[in-house]
Amino acid sequence: MNLMVTVFTAWGYELSLLELLAFLTSVTGVWLGVYGPRKTWPWWSVSSLLYAALFFQWKYYASGFLQFIFIAGAIAGWFGWGPKGAKPAKLTRKEVQIWAIAYLISWFALYPILKKIGAAASLTDAFGFVGSCIAQLLMVLQRYESWIIWFVVDAVYTYQYWHGKQYLTAILYFIFVLIAVGGWKRWLREAAAKQN
């Protein structure tokens, strides 16, 4: 089966079977993540493999490498969450500050590297890569703040992919922004209930 076959063309945009499958598996995986079942992780792994192929093709190198971090996170999440799924908790104020500083330093360190190798969108791809790594780790650790980071990162990626004319992927990341709001509310509520 040729995954690069065009499913349809609209307004000059050619949608490949690969991008369509990546879109569908990604929406499923992230939607499941809101509710915290363990079965979210295999969906993330499959969608990450599919998107890795697309991102390298589009020269979003950081986004491509990020997919392999997502797969590693999915394996850790599968074992870390256990059969009953996520049990969200909150970060301490000091932990929030440490993660914020790490985010900024890493973002500004990665940006010139991506620019030097000719990445398609160095500044936004570096921002998204670092933020996604942190959000993924916090999600595996079952911290509700992961959804706040997902919200911001997915909004930036929405812009990046729309600007790069990968319209279905841009729509996907806009859907992720909306899902992040739901995940944020649900996990915050569960984290607060856990503290009481």
N, C-alpha and C. Protein backbone atom coordinates (compact mmCIF):
# COMPACT_ATOMS: atom_id res chain seq x y z
N MET A 1 0.85 -1.19 0.00
CA MET A 1 0.00 0.00 0.00
C MET A 1 0.89 1.24 0.00
N ASN A 2 0.62 2.15 -0.92
CA ASN A 2 1.37 3.39 -1.02
C ASN A 2 0.71 4.45 -0.13
N LEU A 3 1.35 4.79 0.98
CA LEU A 3 0.77 5.75 1.91
C LEU A 3 0.86 7.19 1.41
N MET A 4 1.69 7.43 0.40
CA MET A 4 1.83 8.78 -0.13
C MET A 4 0.82 9.08 -1.24
N VAL A 5 -0.04 8.10 -1.55
CA VAL A 5 -1.06 8.31 -2.57
C VAL A 5 -1.98 9.45 -2.11
N THR A 6 -2.40 10.29 -3.04
CA THR A 6 -3.28 11.41 -2.73
C THR A 6 -4.71 10.91 -2.58
N VAL A 7 -5.31 11.20 -1.44
CA VAL A 7 -6.70 10.82 -1.18
C VAL A 7 -7.64 11.78 -1.91
N PHE A 8 -7.36 13.07 -1.79
CA PHE A 8 -8.09 14.07 -2.55
C PHE A 8 -7.29 15.36 -2.59
N THR A 9 -7.68 16.23 -3.51
CA THR A 9 -7.06 17.54 -3.66
C THR A 9 -8.15 18.59 -3.54
N ALA A 10 -7.90 19.61 -2.71
CA ALA A 10 -8.86 20.71 -2.56
C ALA A 10 -8.09 22.02 -2.47
N TRP A 11 -8.45 22.99 -3.30
CA TRP A 11 -7.81 24.30 -3.32
C TRP A 11 -6.29 24.19 -3.45
N GLY A 12 -5.84 23.21 -4.22
CA GLY A 12 -4.41 23.03 -4.45
C GLY A 12 -3.69 22.24 -3.37
N TYR A 13 -4.41 21.82 -2.34
CA TYR A 13 -3.82 21.06 -1.24
C TYR A 13 -4.05 19.58 -1.47
N GLU A 14 -2.97 18.82 -1.53
CA GLU A 14 -3.07 17.38 -1.75
C GLU A 14 -2.97 16.65 -0.41
N LEU A 15 -4.02 15.96 -0.06
CA LEU A 15 -4.05 15.19 1.19
C LEU A 15 -3.62 13.76 0.90
N SER A 16 -2.52 13.34 1.52
CA SER A 16 -2.05 11.97 1.33
C SER A 16 -2.75 11.02 2.30
N LEU A 17 -2.75 9.76 1.95
CA LEU A 17 -3.30 8.74 2.84
C LEU A 17 -2.52 8.73 4.16
N LEU A 18 -1.21 8.94 4.09
CA LEU A 18 -0.37 8.97 5.29
C LEU A 18 -0.82 10.08 6.24
N GLU A 19 -1.04 11.28 5.71
CA GLU A 19 -1.47 12.38 6.57
C GLU A 19 -2.87 12.13 7.13
N LEU A 20 -3.74 11.56 6.35
CA LEU A 20 -5.10 11.26 6.83
C LEU A 20 -5.06 10.24 7.97
N LEU A 21 -4.28 9.17 7.81
CA LEU A 21 -4.16 8.16 8.87
C LEU A 21 -3.50 8.74 10.12
N ALA A 22 -2.48 9.57 9.92
CA ALA A 22 -1.81 10.21 11.07
C ALA A 22 -2.79 11.10 11.82
N PHE A 23 -3.60 11.83 11.07
CA PHE A 23 -4.62 12.71 11.66
C PHE A 23 -5.60 11.92 12.52
N LEU A 24 -6.15 10.86 11.95
CA LEU A 24 -7.18 10.07 12.65
C LEU A 24 -6.64 9.40 13.91
N THR A 25 -5.44 8.82 13.83
CA THR A 25 -4.88 8.16 15.02
C THR A 25 -4.48 9.17 16.08
N SER A 26 -4.04 10.36 15.65
CA SER A 26 -3.66 11.40 16.61
C SER A 26 -4.86 11.92 17.39
N VAL A 27 -5.94 12.22 16.68
CA VAL A 27 -7.15 12.71 17.35
C VAL A 27 -7.63 11.67 18.36
N THR A 28 -7.64 10.42 17.97
CA THR A 28 -8.08 9.35 18.87
C THR A 28 -7.20 9.29 20.12
N GLY A 29 -5.89 9.30 19.93
CA GLY A 29 -4.98 9.19 21.07
C GLY A 29 -5.08 10.35 22.04
N VAL A 30 -5.13 11.57 21.51
CA VAL A 30 -5.19 12.74 22.39
C VAL A 30 -6.55 12.83 23.07
N TRP A 31 -7.62 12.50 22.36
CA TRP A 31 -8.95 12.52 22.97
C TRP A 31 -9.02 11.53 24.13
N LEU A 32 -8.48 10.35 23.93
CA LEU A 32 -8.46 9.36 25.01
C LEU A 32 -7.65 9.87 26.20
N GLY A 33 -6.57 10.63 25.92
CA GLY A 33 -5.73 11.16 26.99
C GLY A 33 -6.47 12.04 27.98
N VAL A 34 -7.50 12.72 27.52
CA VAL A 34 -8.31 13.57 28.41
C VAL A 34 -8.92 12.74 29.53
N TYR A 35 -9.36 11.54 29.19
CA TYR A 35 -10.04 10.68 30.15
C TYR A 35 -9.08 9.79 30.94
N GLY A 36 -7.83 9.76 30.50
CA GLY A 36 -6.80 9.07 31.26
C GLY A 36 -6.75 7.56 31.19
N PRO A 37 -7.34 6.89 30.19
CA PRO A 37 -7.18 5.43 30.16
C PRO A 37 -5.80 5.06 29.61
N ARG A 38 -5.34 3.95 30.01
CA ARG A 38 -4.03 3.47 29.57
C ARG A 38 -3.99 3.23 28.06
N LYS A 39 -5.10 2.92 27.46
CA LYS A 39 -5.12 2.60 26.03
C LYS A 39 -4.83 3.82 25.14
N THR A 40 -4.71 5.02 25.72
CA THR A 40 -4.33 6.18 24.91
C THR A 40 -2.94 6.02 24.30
N TRP A 41 -2.05 5.33 25.04
CA TRP A 41 -0.64 5.29 24.64
C TRP A 41 -0.37 4.54 23.35
N PRO A 42 -0.97 3.40 23.04
CA PRO A 42 -0.73 2.77 21.73
C PRO A 42 -1.17 3.67 20.56
N TRP A 43 -2.26 4.39 20.74
CA TRP A 43 -2.71 5.31 19.70
C TRP A 43 -1.67 6.40 19.44
N TRP A 44 -1.10 6.93 20.53
CA TRP A 44 -0.06 7.94 20.40
C TRP A 44 1.13 7.38 19.65
N SER A 45 1.52 6.14 19.94
CA SER A 45 2.67 5.53 19.28
C SER A 45 2.47 5.40 17.78
N VAL A 46 1.30 4.90 17.38
CA VAL A 46 1.03 4.72 15.95
C VAL A 46 1.00 6.08 15.24
N SER A 47 0.31 7.04 15.83
CA SER A 47 0.24 8.36 15.19
C SER A 47 1.62 9.01 15.12
N SER A 48 2.45 8.78 16.12
CA SER A 48 3.80 9.34 16.12
C SER A 48 4.66 8.76 15.01
N LEU A 49 4.54 7.47 14.78
CA LEU A 49 5.29 6.85 13.67
C LEU A 49 4.87 7.45 12.33
N LEU A 50 3.57 7.62 12.16
CA LEU A 50 3.06 8.17 10.91
C LEU A 50 3.50 9.62 10.72
N TYR A 51 3.38 10.40 11.79
CA TYR A 51 3.77 11.81 11.68
C TYR A 51 5.27 11.99 11.56
N ALA A 52 6.07 11.10 12.11
CA ALA A 52 7.53 11.20 11.95
C ALA A 52 7.87 11.20 10.46
N ALA A 53 7.27 10.29 9.71
CA ALA A 53 7.52 10.23 8.27
C ALA A 53 7.12 11.53 7.58
N LEU A 54 5.97 12.08 7.95
CA LEU A 54 5.52 13.33 7.33
C LEU A 54 6.41 14.51 7.68
N PHE A 55 6.75 14.64 8.96
CA PHE A 55 7.52 15.80 9.39
C PHE A 55 8.92 15.83 8.77
N PHE A 56 9.56 14.69 8.66
CA PHE A 56 10.87 14.67 8.01
C PHE A 56 10.74 15.05 6.53
N GLN A 57 9.66 14.60 5.92
CA GLN A 57 9.42 14.95 4.51
C GLN A 57 9.21 16.46 4.36
N TRP A 58 8.54 17.08 5.32
CA TRP A 58 8.24 18.52 5.27
C TRP A 58 9.38 19.38 5.82
N LYS A 59 10.46 18.77 6.29
CA LYS A 59 11.64 19.44 6.87
C LYS A 59 11.36 20.11 8.21
N TYR A 60 10.41 19.58 8.94
CA TYR A 60 10.21 19.97 10.33
C TYR A 60 10.99 18.96 11.17
N TYR A 61 12.29 19.16 11.21
CA TYR A 61 13.18 18.14 11.79
C TYR A 61 12.93 17.92 13.28
N ALA A 62 12.77 19.00 14.04
CA ALA A 62 12.51 18.84 15.47
C ALA A 62 11.20 18.10 15.71
N SER A 63 10.18 18.43 14.92
CA SER A 63 8.89 17.75 15.05
C SER A 63 9.02 16.27 14.69
N GLY A 64 9.87 15.97 13.72
CA GLY A 64 10.10 14.58 13.34
C GLY A 64 10.77 13.79 14.45
N PHE A 65 11.84 14.34 15.01
CA PHE A 65 12.52 13.67 16.12
C PHE A 65 11.64 13.56 17.35
N LEU A 66 10.80 14.57 17.52
CA LEU A 66 9.88 14.59 18.66
C LEU A 66 8.98 13.37 18.68
N GLN A 67 8.62 12.86 17.54
CA GLN A 67 7.72 11.71 17.47
C GLN A 67 8.32 10.48 18.15
N PHE A 68 9.64 10.35 18.08
CA PHE A 68 10.30 9.21 18.73
C PHE A 68 10.33 9.39 20.25
N ILE A 69 10.38 10.64 20.69
CA ILE A 69 10.26 10.93 22.13
C ILE A 69 8.84 10.59 22.59
N PHE A 70 7.86 10.91 21.74
CA PHE A 70 6.47 10.56 22.06
C PHE A 70 6.30 9.05 22.19
N ILE A 71 6.95 8.30 21.32
CA ILE A 71 6.85 6.84 21.39
C ILE A 71 7.47 6.33 22.68
N ALA A 72 8.64 6.87 23.05
CA ALA A 72 9.27 6.49 24.33
C ALA A 72 8.37 6.87 25.49
N GLY A 73 7.75 8.06 25.41
CA GLY A 73 6.82 8.49 26.45
C GLY A 73 5.60 7.59 26.52
N ALA A 74 5.14 7.13 25.37
CA ALA A 74 3.98 6.23 25.34
C ALA A 74 4.28 4.91 26.03
N ILE A 75 5.50 4.40 25.83
CA ILE A 75 5.90 3.16 26.51
C ILE A 75 5.96 3.40 28.01
N ALA A 76 6.58 4.52 28.41
CA ALA A 76 6.65 4.85 29.84
C ALA A 76 5.26 5.07 30.43
N GLY A 77 4.40 5.77 29.67
CA GLY A 77 3.04 6.02 30.14
C GLY A 77 2.24 4.74 30.31
N TRP A 78 2.41 3.81 29.38
CA TRP A 78 1.70 2.53 29.46
C TRP A 78 2.01 1.84 30.78
N PHE A 79 3.28 1.79 31.14
CA PHE A 79 3.67 1.11 32.38
C PHE A 79 3.47 2.00 33.61
N GLY A 80 3.65 3.30 33.45
CA GLY A 80 3.54 4.22 34.58
C GLY A 80 2.13 4.46 35.05
N TRP A 81 1.18 4.48 34.12
CA TRP A 81 -0.19 4.75 34.50
C TRP A 81 -0.87 3.53 35.10
N GLY A 82 -0.46 2.39 34.71
CA GLY A 82 -1.09 1.18 35.23
C GLY A 82 -2.45 0.94 34.59
N PRO A 83 -3.05 -0.20 34.90
CA PRO A 83 -4.31 -0.59 34.25
C PRO A 83 -5.48 0.37 34.50
N LYS A 84 -5.47 1.08 35.62
CA LYS A 84 -6.60 1.96 35.94
C LYS A 84 -6.46 3.36 35.36
N GLY A 85 -5.33 3.64 34.70
CA GLY A 85 -5.16 4.94 34.04
C GLY A 85 -4.53 5.99 34.93
N ALA A 86 -4.62 7.25 34.47
CA ALA A 86 -3.96 8.38 35.13
C ALA A 86 -4.63 8.76 36.44
N LYS A 87 -3.78 9.21 37.37
CA LYS A 87 -4.25 9.76 38.64
C LYS A 87 -3.58 11.14 38.77
N PRO A 88 -4.19 12.18 38.15
CA PRO A 88 -3.56 13.50 38.06
C PRO A 88 -3.24 14.13 39.42
N ALA A 89 -2.11 14.84 39.44
CA ALA A 89 -1.66 15.60 40.62
C ALA A 89 -1.12 16.93 40.12
N LYS A 90 -0.80 17.84 41.06
CA LYS A 90 -0.28 19.17 40.72
C LYS A 90 1.21 19.25 41.01
N LEU A 91 1.89 20.11 40.23
CA LEU A 91 3.29 20.44 40.52
C LEU A 91 3.34 21.45 41.67
N THR A 92 4.45 21.47 42.38
CA THR A 92 4.65 22.52 43.39
C THR A 92 5.04 23.80 42.67
N ARG A 93 4.97 24.91 43.36
CA ARG A 93 5.36 26.20 42.77
C ARG A 93 6.82 26.18 42.33
N LYS A 94 7.67 25.59 43.14
CA LYS A 94 9.09 25.52 42.79
C LYS A 94 9.31 24.67 41.54
N GLU A 95 8.58 23.56 41.43
CA GLU A 95 8.69 22.70 40.24
C GLU A 95 8.25 23.45 38.99
N VAL A 96 7.20 24.27 39.10
CA VAL A 96 6.73 25.06 37.96
C VAL A 96 7.83 26.02 37.51
N GLN A 97 8.47 26.68 38.47
CA GLN A 97 9.55 27.62 38.13
C GLN A 97 10.73 26.91 37.47
N ILE A 98 11.11 25.75 37.97
CA ILE A 98 12.23 24.99 37.39
C ILE A 98 11.90 24.58 35.96
N TRP A 99 10.69 24.08 35.73
CA TRP A 99 10.30 23.67 34.38
C TRP A 99 10.24 24.87 33.43
N ALA A 100 9.78 26.02 33.91
CA ALA A 100 9.70 27.22 33.06
C ALA A 100 11.10 27.68 32.64
N ILE A 101 12.04 27.68 33.57
CA ILE A 101 13.42 28.07 33.25
C ILE A 101 14.04 27.08 32.28
N ALA A 102 13.83 25.80 32.53
CA ALA A 102 14.37 24.76 31.63
C ALA A 102 13.80 24.92 30.22
N TYR A 103 12.52 25.27 30.15
CA TYR A 103 11.85 25.46 28.85
C TYR A 103 12.55 26.58 28.08
N LEU A 104 12.71 27.74 28.70
CA LEU A 104 13.29 28.89 28.02
C LEU A 104 14.73 28.62 27.57
N ILE A 105 15.52 28.08 28.46
CA ILE A 105 16.93 27.80 28.13
C ILE A 105 17.02 26.81 26.97
N SER A 106 16.25 25.75 27.03
CA SER A 106 16.28 24.72 25.99
C SER A 106 15.78 25.25 24.65
N TRP A 107 14.74 26.06 24.69
CA TRP A 107 14.19 26.63 23.47
C TRP A 107 15.24 27.48 22.76
N PHE A 108 15.87 28.38 23.50
CA PHE A 108 16.85 29.27 22.89
C PHE A 108 18.16 28.56 22.53
N ALA A 109 18.41 27.41 23.11
CA ALA A 109 19.58 26.62 22.74
C ALA A 109 19.32 25.83 21.45
N LEU A 110 18.10 25.35 21.28
CA LEU A 110 17.77 24.53 20.11
C LEU A 110 17.55 25.36 18.85
N TYR A 111 17.02 26.54 19.00
CA TYR A 111 16.68 27.38 17.84
C TYR A 111 17.84 27.57 16.86
N PRO A 112 19.04 27.98 17.31
CA PRO A 112 20.12 28.18 16.32
C PRO A 112 20.57 26.89 15.64
N ILE A 113 20.44 25.78 16.33
CA ILE A 113 20.82 24.49 15.73
C ILE A 113 19.88 24.17 14.57
N LEU A 114 18.58 24.33 14.80
CA LEU A 114 17.60 24.08 13.74
C LEU A 114 17.78 25.04 12.56
N LYS A 115 18.07 26.29 12.89
CA LYS A 115 18.29 27.28 11.84
C LYS A 115 19.49 26.91 10.98
N LYS A 116 20.55 26.44 11.63
CA LYS A 116 21.78 26.08 10.92
C LYS A 116 21.58 24.89 9.97
N ILE A 117 20.73 23.92 10.35
CA ILE A 117 20.54 22.75 9.50
C ILE A 117 19.43 22.95 8.46
N GLY A 118 18.83 24.15 8.44
CA GLY A 118 17.85 24.46 7.40
C GLY A 118 16.44 23.97 7.67
N ALA A 119 16.06 23.91 8.94
CA ALA A 119 14.69 23.49 9.29
C ALA A 119 13.69 24.49 8.71
N ALA A 120 12.51 24.00 8.41
CA ALA A 120 11.47 24.82 7.76
C ALA A 120 10.97 25.95 8.66
N ALA A 121 10.90 25.76 9.94
CA ALA A 121 10.37 26.77 10.87
C ALA A 121 11.14 26.67 12.19
N SER A 122 12.34 27.19 12.21
CA SER A 122 13.26 26.97 13.33
C SER A 122 12.73 27.45 14.68
N LEU A 123 12.23 28.68 14.74
CA LEU A 123 11.82 29.26 16.02
C LEU A 123 10.61 28.53 16.60
N THR A 124 9.57 28.34 15.79
CA THR A 124 8.36 27.69 16.30
C THR A 124 8.58 26.20 16.51
N ASP A 125 9.39 25.57 15.65
CA ASP A 125 9.64 24.14 15.81
C ASP A 125 10.46 23.88 17.08
N ALA A 126 11.41 24.77 17.39
CA ALA A 126 12.18 24.63 18.63
C ALA A 126 11.27 24.81 19.84
N PHE A 127 10.41 25.82 19.78
CA PHE A 127 9.46 26.08 20.87
C PHE A 127 8.57 24.86 21.09
N GLY A 128 8.03 24.34 19.98
CA GLY A 128 7.14 23.19 20.08
C GLY A 128 7.83 21.92 20.54
N PHE A 129 9.05 21.71 20.06
CA PHE A 129 9.81 20.52 20.45
C PHE A 129 10.07 20.49 21.95
N VAL A 130 10.61 21.58 22.47
CA VAL A 130 10.93 21.64 23.90
C VAL A 130 9.66 21.56 24.73
N GLY A 131 8.64 22.32 24.36
CA GLY A 131 7.39 22.29 25.11
C GLY A 131 6.73 20.93 25.09
N SER A 132 6.76 20.28 23.93
CA SER A 132 6.16 18.95 23.83
C SER A 132 6.91 17.92 24.66
N CYS A 133 8.24 18.02 24.69
CA CYS A 133 9.03 17.09 25.53
C CYS A 133 8.65 17.24 27.00
N ILE A 134 8.55 18.50 27.44
CA ILE A 134 8.20 18.75 28.84
C ILE A 134 6.76 18.30 29.11
N ALA A 135 5.85 18.65 28.22
CA ALA A 135 4.44 18.26 28.41
C ALA A 135 4.29 16.74 28.42
N GLN A 136 5.02 16.07 27.53
CA GLN A 136 4.94 14.60 27.48
C GLN A 136 5.44 13.99 28.79
N LEU A 137 6.56 14.50 29.28
CA LEU A 137 7.10 13.98 30.55
C LEU A 137 6.12 14.23 31.69
N LEU A 138 5.56 15.43 31.75
CA LEU A 138 4.59 15.74 32.81
C LEU A 138 3.32 14.90 32.67
N MET A 139 2.97 14.56 31.45
CA MET A 139 1.79 13.71 31.24
C MET A 139 2.07 12.29 31.75
N VAL A 140 3.26 11.78 31.44
CA VAL A 140 3.63 10.46 31.95
C VAL A 140 3.64 10.47 33.48
N LEU A 141 4.10 11.60 34.06
CA LEU A 141 4.13 11.75 35.52
C LEU A 141 2.76 12.10 36.10
N GLN A 142 1.75 12.25 35.22
CA GLN A 142 0.37 12.48 35.61
C GLN A 142 0.17 13.82 36.32
N ARG A 143 0.78 14.88 35.75
CA ARG A 143 0.64 16.23 36.29
C ARG A 143 -0.31 17.01 35.39
N TYR A 144 -1.29 17.64 36.01
CA TYR A 144 -2.31 18.32 35.22
C TYR A 144 -1.73 19.48 34.42
N GLU A 145 -0.60 20.06 34.85
CA GLU A 145 0.01 21.19 34.14
C GLU A 145 0.45 20.81 32.72
N SER A 146 0.57 19.52 32.46
CA SER A 146 0.93 19.10 31.09
C SER A 146 -0.08 19.66 30.08
N TRP A 147 -1.34 19.72 30.46
CA TRP A 147 -2.36 20.21 29.54
C TRP A 147 -2.21 21.70 29.26
N ILE A 148 -1.73 22.47 30.22
CA ILE A 148 -1.49 23.91 29.99
C ILE A 148 -0.41 24.08 28.93
N ILE A 149 0.65 23.29 29.06
CA ILE A 149 1.73 23.36 28.08
C ILE A 149 1.24 22.88 26.72
N TRP A 150 0.47 21.79 26.71
CA TRP A 150 -0.07 21.31 25.44
C TRP A 150 -0.89 22.40 24.75
N PHE A 151 -1.69 23.13 25.52
CA PHE A 151 -2.52 24.19 24.97
C PHE A 151 -1.67 25.21 24.22
N VAL A 152 -0.61 25.70 24.88
CA VAL A 152 0.25 26.73 24.28
C VAL A 152 1.01 26.16 23.07
N VAL A 153 1.63 25.01 23.25
CA VAL A 153 2.42 24.40 22.18
C VAL A 153 1.55 24.09 20.97
N ASP A 154 0.37 23.54 21.20
CA ASP A 154 -0.50 23.19 20.08
C ASP A 154 -1.00 24.43 19.34
N ALA A 155 -1.19 25.53 20.05
CA ALA A 155 -1.57 26.78 19.39
C ALA A 155 -0.44 27.26 18.48
N VAL A 156 0.80 27.17 18.95
CA VAL A 156 1.95 27.57 18.13
C VAL A 156 2.09 26.64 16.92
N TYR A 157 1.91 25.33 17.14
CA TYR A 157 1.98 24.39 16.03
C TYR A 157 0.85 24.61 15.02
N THR A 158 -0.31 25.00 15.49
CA THR A 158 -1.42 25.31 14.57
C THR A 158 -0.98 26.39 13.59
N TYR A 159 -0.39 27.44 14.14
CA TYR A 159 0.12 28.52 13.29
C TYR A 159 1.21 28.00 12.34
N GLN A 160 2.16 27.26 12.88
CA GLN A 160 3.29 26.77 12.07
C GLN A 160 2.83 25.95 10.87
N TYR A 161 1.95 24.99 11.12
CA TYR A 161 1.53 24.11 10.04
C TYR A 161 0.59 24.81 9.05
N TRP A 162 -0.23 25.73 9.54
CA TRP A 162 -1.09 26.48 8.61
C TRP A 162 -0.22 27.35 7.71
N HIS A 163 0.74 28.03 8.32
CA HIS A 163 1.66 28.88 7.56
C HIS A 163 2.47 28.05 6.56
N GLY A 164 2.78 26.80 6.92
CA GLY A 164 3.52 25.91 6.04
C GLY A 164 2.65 25.18 5.04
N LYS A 165 1.35 25.50 5.03
CA LYS A 165 0.38 24.92 4.09
C LYS A 165 0.14 23.42 4.30
N GLN A 166 0.34 22.92 5.51
CA GLN A 166 -0.06 21.56 5.88
C GLN A 166 -1.40 21.69 6.61
N TYR A 167 -2.44 21.94 5.84
CA TYR A 167 -3.71 22.38 6.42
C TYR A 167 -4.39 21.36 7.32
N LEU A 168 -4.40 20.11 6.94
CA LEU A 168 -5.06 19.12 7.80
C LEU A 168 -4.32 18.98 9.12
N THR A 169 -3.01 19.02 9.07
CA THR A 169 -2.23 18.95 10.31
C THR A 169 -2.45 20.20 11.15
N ALA A 170 -2.59 21.36 10.52
CA ALA A 170 -2.91 22.58 11.26
C ALA A 170 -4.27 22.45 11.95
N ILE A 171 -5.25 21.90 11.24
CA ILE A 171 -6.57 21.67 11.84
C ILE A 171 -6.47 20.69 13.00
N LEU A 172 -5.65 19.65 12.82
CA LEU A 172 -5.41 18.69 13.90
C LEU A 172 -4.91 19.39 15.15
N TYR A 173 -3.91 20.24 14.99
CA TYR A 173 -3.36 20.92 16.16
C TYR A 173 -4.33 21.92 16.76
N PHE A 174 -5.23 22.50 15.96
CA PHE A 174 -6.28 23.34 16.52
C PHE A 174 -7.25 22.49 17.35
N ILE A 175 -7.55 21.29 16.85
CA ILE A 175 -8.38 20.36 17.64
C ILE A 175 -7.66 20.01 18.94
N PHE A 176 -6.34 19.82 18.87
CA PHE A 176 -5.56 19.55 20.08
C PHE A 176 -5.68 20.69 21.09
N VAL A 177 -5.70 21.94 20.59
CA VAL A 177 -5.88 23.10 21.49
C VAL A 177 -7.18 22.97 22.25
N LEU A 178 -8.25 22.63 21.54
CA LEU A 178 -9.56 22.47 22.18
C LEU A 178 -9.57 21.29 23.15
N ILE A 179 -8.96 20.19 22.74
CA ILE A 179 -8.89 19.02 23.62
C ILE A 179 -8.07 19.34 24.87
N ALA A 180 -7.01 20.14 24.71
CA ALA A 180 -6.17 20.51 25.85
C ALA A 180 -6.97 21.26 26.91
N VAL A 181 -7.91 22.08 26.47
CA VAL A 181 -8.77 22.79 27.43
C VAL A 181 -9.58 21.78 28.24
N GLY A 182 -10.15 20.80 27.56
CA GLY A 182 -10.92 19.75 28.26
C GLY A 182 -10.05 18.93 29.19
N GLY A 183 -8.86 18.57 28.74
CA GLY A 183 -7.94 17.81 29.58
C GLY A 183 -7.50 18.59 30.79
N TRP A 184 -7.23 19.87 30.59
CA TRP A 184 -6.81 20.77 31.66
C TRP A 184 -7.89 20.82 32.74
N LYS A 185 -9.12 21.04 32.34
CA LYS A 185 -10.22 21.13 33.32
C LYS A 185 -10.42 19.81 34.05
N ARG A 186 -10.46 18.72 33.30
CA ARG A 186 -10.72 17.41 33.91
C ARG A 186 -9.61 17.00 34.87
N TRP A 187 -8.36 17.14 34.43
CA TRP A 187 -7.23 16.74 35.28
C TRP A 187 -7.08 17.66 36.48
N LEU A 188 -7.38 18.95 36.32
CA LEU A 188 -7.32 19.89 37.45
C LEU A 188 -8.36 19.47 38.51
N ARG A 189 -9.55 19.15 38.04
CA ARG A 189 -10.62 18.73 38.95
C ARG A 189 -10.21 17.46 39.70
N GLU A 190 -9.63 16.50 38.99
CA GLU A 190 -9.21 15.26 39.63
C GLU A 190 -8.01 15.46 40.58
N ALA A 191 -7.09 16.35 40.19
CA ALA A 191 -5.95 16.65 41.04
C ALA A 191 -6.40 17.33 42.34
N ALA A 192 -7.37 18.26 42.21
CA ALA A 192 -7.89 18.97 43.38
C ALA A 192 -8.62 18.01 44.31
N ALA A 193 -9.40 17.09 43.73
CA ALA A 193 -10.13 16.11 44.54
C ALA A 193 -9.15 15.18 45.27
N LYS A 194 -8.04 14.88 44.62
CA LYS A 194 -7.04 14.00 45.22
C LYS A 194 -6.37 14.66 46.44
N GLN A 195 -6.22 16.01 46.37
CA GLN A 195 -5.59 16.74 47.47
C GLN A 195 -6.51 16.85 48.68
N ASN A 196 -7.83 16.80 48.45
CA ASN A 196 -8.80 16.96 49.57
C ASN A 196 -9.01 15.67 50.33
